[in-house]
C-alpha atoms as a PDB file:
ATOM      1  CA  ARG A   1       7.393   0.338  13.278  1.00  0.00           C
ATOM      2  CA  LEU A   2       6.387  -3.359  13.315  1.00  0.00           C
ATOM      3  CA  THR A   3       3.064  -3.069  15.250  1.00  0.00           C
ATOM      4  CA  VAL A   4       0.227  -1.125  13.963  1.00  0.00           C
ATOM      5  CA  ARG A   5      -2.843  -0.179  16.036  1.00  0.00           C
ATOM      6  CA  TYR A   6      -6.329   1.033  14.826  1.00  0.00           C
ATOM      7  CA  VAL A   7      -7.813   4.340  15.946  1.00  0.00           C
ATOM      8  CA  GLY A   8     -10.531   4.836  13.655  1.00  0.00           C
ATOM      9  CA  ARG A   9     -14.243   3.989  14.123  1.00  0.00           C
ATOM     10  CA  GLY A  10     -14.841   1.120  11.796  1.00  0.00           C
ATOM     11  CA  ASN A  11     -18.322   2.587  10.733  1.00  0.00           C
ATOM     12  CA  HIS A  12     -18.228   1.120   7.197  1.00  0.00           C
ATOM     13  CA  SER A  13     -16.157  -0.525   4.397  1.00  0.00           C
ATOM     14  CA  GLN A  14     -13.714   2.465   3.656  1.00  0.00           C
ATOM     15  CA  ASP A  15     -13.303   3.403   7.190  1.00  0.00           C
ATOM     16  CA  VAL A  16     -10.696   0.350   7.430  1.00  0.00           C
ATOM     17  CA  GLY A  17      -7.246   1.034   8.556  1.00  0.00           C
ATOM     18  CA  ALA A  18      -4.141  -0.875   6.402  1.00  0.00           C
ATOM     19  CA  ALA A  19      -0.112  -1.150   6.547  1.00  0.00           C
ATOM     20  CA  ARG A  20       1.659  -2.498   3.629  1.00  0.00           C
ATOM     21  CA  THR A  21       5.141  -3.289   3.954  1.00  0.00           C
ATOM     22  CA  ASN A  22       7.799  -1.523   1.884  1.00  0.00           C
ATOM     23  CA  TRP A  23       9.374  -4.284  -0.152  1.00  0.00           C
ATOM     24  CA  PRO A  24       7.253  -6.791  -1.923  1.00  0.00           C
ATOM     25  CA  CYS A  25       7.837 -10.471  -1.338  1.00  0.00           C
ATOM     26  CA  PRO A  26      11.098 -11.703  -3.420  1.00  0.00           C
ATOM     27  CA  HIS A  27      10.309 -13.331  -6.422  1.00  0.00           C
ATOM     28  CA  GLN A  28      13.918 -15.231  -6.350  1.00  0.00           C
ATOM     29  CA  CYS A  29      12.988 -17.387  -3.124  1.00  0.00           C
ATOM     30  CA  PHE A  30      10.967 -20.705  -3.044  1.00  0.00           C
ATOM     31  CA  VAL A  31       8.647 -19.386  -0.238  1.00  0.00           C
ATOM     32  CA  TYR A  32       8.590 -16.126   1.129  1.00  0.00           C
ATOM     33  CA  TYR A  33       6.639 -15.947   4.626  1.00  0.00           C
ATOM     34  CA  PHE A  34       5.565 -13.671   7.301  1.00  0.00           C
ATOM     35  CA  GLU A  35       3.366 -13.731  10.673  1.00  0.00           C
ATOM     36  CA  VAL A  36       1.386 -11.437  12.541  1.00  0.00           C
ATOM     37  CA  THR A  37       0.367 -12.134  16.252  1.00  0.00           C
ATOM     38  CA  ILE A  38      -3.012 -10.011  17.245  1.00  0.00           C
ATOM     39  CA  ILE A  39      -2.424  -8.125  20.476  1.00  0.00           C
ATOM     40  CA  ASP A  40      -5.627  -6.661  21.070  1.00  0.00           C
ATOM     41  CA  SER A  41      -8.566  -7.665  18.869  1.00  0.00           C
ATOM     42  CA  GLY A  42     -10.972  -4.224  19.788  1.00  0.00           C
ATOM     43  CA  SER A  43     -15.006  -4.270  19.580  1.00  0.00           C
ATOM     44  CA  ARG A  44     -15.323  -6.544  16.390  1.00  0.00           C
ATOM     45  CA  GLY A  45     -12.175  -8.411  16.249  1.00  0.00           C
ATOM     46  CA  SER A  46     -12.284  -7.259  12.207  1.00  0.00           C
ATOM     47  CA  ILE A  47      -8.040  -7.675  11.089  1.00  0.00           C
ATOM     48  CA  ALA A  48      -7.211  -9.191   8.014  1.00  0.00           C
ATOM     49  CA  VAL A  49      -3.664 -10.611   7.286  1.00  0.00           C
ATOM     50  CA  GLY A  50      -2.771 -11.320   3.814  1.00  0.00           C
ATOM     51  CA  LEU A  51      -1.486  -9.898   0.485  1.00  0.00           C
ATOM     52  CA  ALA A  52      -1.915  -7.005  -1.721  1.00  0.00           C
ATOM     53  CA  ASP A  53      -0.402  -5.625  -5.079  1.00  0.00           C
ATOM     54  CA  GLY A  54       1.168  -1.954  -4.850  1.00  0.00           C
ATOM     55  CA  GLU A  55      -1.654  -0.536  -6.374  1.00  0.00           C
ATOM     56  CA  PHE A  56      -3.848  -1.132  -2.930  1.00  0.00           C
ATOM     57  CA  GLU A  57      -6.046   1.212  -1.252  1.00  0.00           C
ATOM     58  CA  LEU A  58      -5.082   1.147   2.102  1.00  0.00           C
ATOM     59  CA  ASN A  59      -8.353   2.450   3.287  1.00  0.00           C
ATOM     60  CA  ARG A  60      -9.653  -1.085   2.705  1.00  0.00           C
ATOM     61  CA  GLN A  61      -9.375  -5.374   3.914  1.00  0.00           C
ATOM     62  CA  PRO A  62      -7.068  -7.105   1.910  1.00  0.00           C
ATOM     63  CA  GLY A  63      -8.966  -9.333   0.043  1.00  0.00           C
ATOM     64  CA  TRP A  64     -11.576  -6.392  -0.965  1.00  0.00           C
ATOM     65  CA  GLU A  65      -9.754  -4.712  -3.882  1.00  0.00           C
ATOM     66  CA  PRO A  66      -8.222  -6.594  -7.166  1.00  0.00           C
ATOM     67  CA  ASN A  67      -4.881  -8.172  -6.676  1.00  0.00           C
ATOM     68  CA  SER A  68      -5.293  -8.621  -2.652  1.00  0.00           C
ATOM     69  CA  TYR A  69      -6.198 -11.827  -0.743  1.00  0.00           C
ATOM     70  CA  GLY A  70      -6.972 -11.689   2.659  1.00  0.00           C
ATOM     71  CA  TYR A  71      -7.699 -14.351   5.926  1.00  0.00           C
ATOM     72  CA  HIS A  72     -10.181 -12.334   7.667  1.00  0.00           C
ATOM     73  CA  GLY A  73     -10.538 -13.027  11.931  1.00  0.00           C
ATOM     74  CA  HIS A  74     -13.992 -12.174  12.059  1.00  0.00           C
ATOM     75  CA  ASP A  75     -15.375 -15.167  10.366  1.00  0.00           C
ATOM     76  CA  GLY A  76     -12.561 -17.199   9.423  1.00  0.00           C
ATOM     77  CA  GLN A  77     -13.188 -16.650   5.736  1.00  0.00           C
ATOM     78  CA  ARG A  78     -10.533 -15.883   2.388  1.00  0.00           C
ATOM     79  CA  TYR A  79     -11.502 -13.347   0.923  1.00  0.00           C
ATOM     80  CA  PHE A  80     -10.124 -11.983  -2.844  1.00  0.00           C
ATOM     81  CA  ASP A  81     -11.554  -8.962  -5.258  1.00  0.00           C
ATOM     82  CA  SER A  82     -15.014  -8.900  -3.128  1.00  0.00           C
ATOM     83  CA  GLU A  83     -16.118  -8.012   0.270  1.00  0.00           C
ATOM     84  CA  ARG A  84     -17.582 -11.667  -0.188  1.00  0.00           C
ATOM     85  CA  GLY A  85     -15.668 -14.421   1.651  1.00  0.00           C
ATOM     86  CA  GLU A  86     -15.714 -17.858   0.996  1.00  0.00           C
ATOM     87  CA  GLN A  87     -15.535 -20.873   4.124  1.00  0.00           C
ATOM     88  CA  TYR A  88     -11.718 -21.016   5.140  1.00  0.00           C
ATOM     89  CA  GLY A  89     -10.486 -21.427   8.579  1.00  0.00           C
ATOM     90  CA  GLN A  90     -11.228 -20.608  11.829  1.00  0.00           C
ATOM     91  CA  SER A  91     -11.877 -17.225  12.859  1.00  0.00           C
ATOM     92  CA  PHE A  92      -9.181 -16.176  15.094  1.00  0.00           C
ATOM     93  CA  GLY A  93      -7.934 -12.913  17.897  1.00  0.00           C
ATOM     94  CA  ALA A  94      -6.128 -11.664  20.666  1.00  0.00           C
ATOM     95  CA  GLY A  95      -3.447 -13.907  21.338  1.00  0.00           C
ATOM     96  CA  ASP A  96      -3.907 -15.735  17.928  1.00  0.00           C
ATOM     97  CA  THR A  97      -0.402 -15.888  15.669  1.00  0.00           C
ATOM     98  CA  ILE A  98      -1.605 -15.697  11.643  1.00  0.00           C
ATOM     99  CA  GLY A  99       1.084 -16.520   9.092  1.00  0.00           C
ATOM    100  CA  CYS A 100       1.250 -16.061   5.287  1.00  0.00           C
ATOM    101  CA  GLY A 101       2.896 -17.282   2.819  1.00  0.00           C
ATOM    102  CA  LEU A 102       3.913 -17.547  -0.709  1.00  0.00           C
ATOM    103  CA  LEU A 103       4.950 -20.536  -2.765  1.00  0.00           C
ATOM    104  CA  THR A 104       6.659 -18.475  -5.598  1.00  0.00           C
ATOM    105  CA  ASP A 105       7.156 -21.351  -7.973  1.00  0.00           C
ATOM    106  CA  ARG A 106       3.472 -22.390  -7.833  1.00  0.00           C
ATOM    107  CA  ARG A 107       2.321 -19.272  -6.824  1.00  0.00           C
ATOM    108  CA  GLU A 108       0.228 -20.191  -4.336  1.00  0.00           C
ATOM    109  CA  ILE A 109      -0.853 -18.012  -0.815  1.00  0.00           C
ATOM    110  CA  PHE A 110      -1.156 -20.130   2.297  1.00  0.00           C
ATOM    111  CA  PHE A 111      -2.294 -19.503   5.962  1.00  0.00           C
ATOM    112  CA  THR A 112      -1.213 -20.675   9.653  1.00  0.00           C
ATOM    113  CA  ARG A 113      -2.582 -20.206  12.695  1.00  0.00           C
ATOM    114  CA  ASN A 114      -0.911 -20.588  15.610  1.00  0.00           C
ATOM    115  CA  GLY A 115       1.902 -22.690  14.235  1.00  0.00           C
ATOM    116  CA  SER A 116      -0.636 -25.281  12.589  1.00  0.00           C
ATOM    117  CA  LEU A 117      -1.093 -24.802   8.408  1.00  0.00           C
ATOM    118  CA  VAL A 118      -4.254 -24.113   8.071  1.00  0.00           C
ATOM    119  CA  GLY A 119      -4.171 -24.578   3.966  1.00  0.00           C
ATOM    120  CA  VAL A 120      -3.955 -22.940   0.580  1.00  0.00           C
ATOM    121  CA  ALA A 121      -5.984 -20.259   0.160  1.00  0.00           C
ATOM    122  CA  PHE A 122      -5.064 -19.098  -3.289  1.00  0.00           C
ATOM    123  CA  SER A 123      -3.494 -20.648  -6.617  1.00  0.00           C
ATOM    124  CA  ASP A 124      -2.303 -18.985  -9.246  1.00  0.00           C
ATOM    125  CA  ILE A 125      -1.224 -15.644  -8.534  1.00  0.00           C
ATOM    126  CA  LYS A 126       0.068 -13.138 -10.951  1.00  0.00           C
ATOM    127  CA  SER A 127       1.089 -10.084  -9.276  1.00  0.00           C
ATOM    128  CA  THR A 128       3.839  -8.800  -7.278  1.00  0.00           C
ATOM    129  CA  LEU A 129       2.682  -9.142  -3.896  1.00  0.00           C
ATOM    130  CA  TYR A 130       3.458  -7.246  -0.469  1.00  0.00           C
ATOM    131  CA  PRO A 131       2.524  -8.113   3.070  1.00  0.00           C
ATOM    132  CA  THR A 132      -0.391  -6.561   3.906  1.00  0.00           C
ATOM    133  CA  VAL A 133      -2.970  -6.221   7.055  1.00  0.00           C
ATOM    134  CA  GLY A 134      -6.365  -4.697   7.601  1.00  0.00           C
ATOM    135  CA  LEU A 135      -7.605  -3.503  10.763  1.00  0.00           C
ATOM    136  CA  HIS A 136     -11.448  -2.449  10.781  1.00  0.00           C
ATOM    137  CA  SER A 137     -12.950  -1.805  14.667  1.00  0.00           C
ATOM    138  CA  PRO A 138     -11.743   0.172  17.022  1.00  0.00           C
ATOM    139  CA  GLY A 139      -8.651  -0.912  19.748  1.00  0.00           C
ATOM    140  CA  GLU A 140      -7.309  -3.230  17.062  1.00  0.00           C
ATOM    141  CA  LYS A 141      -3.601  -3.620  17.847  1.00  0.00           C
ATOM    142  CA  VAL A 142      -1.283  -6.450  15.601  1.00  0.00           C
ATOM    143  CA  ALA A 143       2.671  -7.099  15.586  1.00  0.00           C
ATOM    144  CA  PHE A 144       4.568  -8.119  12.337  1.00  0.00           C
ATOM    145  CA  ASN A 145       7.094 -10.558  12.197  1.00  0.00           C
ATOM    146  CA  LEU A 146       9.201 -10.073   9.298  1.00  0.00           C
ATOM    147  CA  GLY A 147      11.944 -12.753  10.185  1.00  0.00           C
ATOM    148  CA  ALA A 148      13.726 -10.824  12.503  1.00  0.00           C
ATOM    149  CA  THR A 149      12.573 -13.793  15.565  1.00  0.00           C
ATOM    150  CA  SER A 150      11.725 -16.664  15.181  1.00  0.00           C
ATOM    151  CA  PHE A 151       8.064 -17.795  13.699  1.00  0.00           C
ATOM    152  CA  VAL A 152       5.676 -20.244  15.656  1.00  0.00           C
ATOM    153  CA  PHE A 153       5.029 -21.960  12.271  1.00  0.00           C
ATOM    154  CA  ASP A 154       7.977 -24.066  11.357  1.00  0.00           C
ATOM    155  CA  ILE A 155       8.406 -22.581   7.991  1.00  0.00           C
ATOM    156  CA  ASP A 156      12.033 -24.553   7.602  1.00  0.00           C
ATOM    157  CA  ALA A 157      10.511 -27.728   8.258  1.00  0.00           C
ATOM    158  CA  PHE A 158       7.751 -26.623   5.631  1.00  0.00           C
ATOM    159  CA  ALA A 159       9.847 -25.302   2.676  1.00  0.00           C
ATOM    160  CA  HIS A 160      12.150 -28.507   3.311  1.00  0.00           C
ATOM    161  CA  SER A 161       8.594 -30.811   2.195  1.00  0.00           C
ATOM    162  CA  GLN A 162       7.423 -28.590   0.060  1.00  0.00           C
ATOM    163  CA  ARG A 163      11.082 -28.854  -2.376  1.00  0.00           C
ATOM    164  CA  GLU A 164      11.197 -32.821  -0.854  1.00  0.00           C
ATOM    165  CA  ALA A 165       7.788 -32.899  -2.602  1.00  0.00           C
ATOM    166  CA  ARG A 166       8.457 -30.739  -6.102  1.00  0.00           C
ATOM    167  CA  LEU A 167      11.952 -32.921  -6.295  1.00  0.00           C
ATOM    168  CA  SER A 168      10.091 -36.115  -6.009  1.00  0.00           C
ATOM    169  CA  GLN A 169       7.446 -34.757  -8.639  1.00  0.00           C
ATOM    170  CA  ILE A 170      10.507 -34.034 -11.209  1.00  0.00           C
ATOM    171  CA  VAL A 171      11.953 -37.438 -10.402  1.00  0.00           C
ATOM    172  CA  ASP A 172       8.625 -39.156 -11.300  1.00  0.00           C
ATOM    173  CA  THR A 173       7.956 -37.331 -14.489  1.00  0.00           C
ATOM    174  CA  PRO A 174       8.693 -39.942 -17.264  1.00  0.00           C
ATOM    175  CA  LEU A 175      10.985 -38.443 -19.811  1.00  0.00           C
ATOM    176  CA  PRO A 176       8.912 -38.722 -23.593  1.00  0.00           C
ATOM    177  CA  GLU A 177      10.508 -40.977 -25.874  1.00  0.00           C
ATOM    178  CA  VAL A 178      13.129 -39.823 -27.863  1.00  0.00           C
ATOM    179  CA  ASP A 179      14.392 -40.801 -31.561  1.00  0.00           C
ATOM    180  CA  LEU A 180      17.925 -40.035 -31.196  1.00  0.00           C
ATOM    181  CA  GLU A 181      18.560 -40.440 -35.357  1.00  0.00           C
ATOM    182  CA  SER A 182      16.126 -37.733 -35.926  1.00  0.00           C
ATOM    183  CA  LEU A 183      17.787 -35.368 -33.052  1.00  0.00           C
ATOM    184  CA  VAL A 184      21.046 -35.702 -34.781  1.00  0.00           C
ATOM    185  CA  LYS A 185      19.602 -35.747 -38.002  1.00  0.00           C
ATOM    186  CA  ALA A 186      18.278 -32.438 -37.148  1.00  0.00           C
ATOM    187  CA  TYR A 187      21.237 -31.024 -35.250  1.00  0.00           C
ATOM    188  CA  LEU A 188      23.554 -31.276 -38.116  1.00  0.00           C
ATOM    189  CA  LEU A 189      21.353 -29.927 -41.047  1.00  0.00           C
ATOM    190  CA  HIS A 190      20.909 -26.944 -38.641  1.00  0.00           C
ATOM    191  CA  ASN A 191      24.075 -26.627 -37.903  1.00  0.00           C
ATOM    192  CA  ASN A 192      26.017 -26.883 -41.655  1.00  0.00           C
END
């Protein structure tokens, strides 16, 4: 159940076949990540990898609807809430592995391509999101890796570097000046 093939015609923008997981990205982990390997890019290579909320219609590409985010293979653009994309990365097709991750503390979505970080694509994400892939041309076929096998991208090293950067940022943040006498006085007045 981790392989998806598009059997439609892909003649118009509502003729998309999207697949979404049953479980959302957990909020408790530091980083959530999955990968999609493109087995066959079909006739046009109109595959999109991303995240979408639970209300996302499964006949649209991720990124075309509100609260959905996608990296599209045919043009390498990122999409959010529109059928108009923005330049982001390289296009992708058969043989490529596209990863999608969510840095939960910063609420940022990033993508990888064949084990290399493409970069942060979206920031200030507020929705509960699900791994999603959209297929839009005859013959497209992809396989999900939700962590059952090793990822192409070294997610452990990435998570470690992100934790270290976050810790460094916390340590380097100066503490405000505190008037200890006023603090003690306020505490004593409050607790009497």
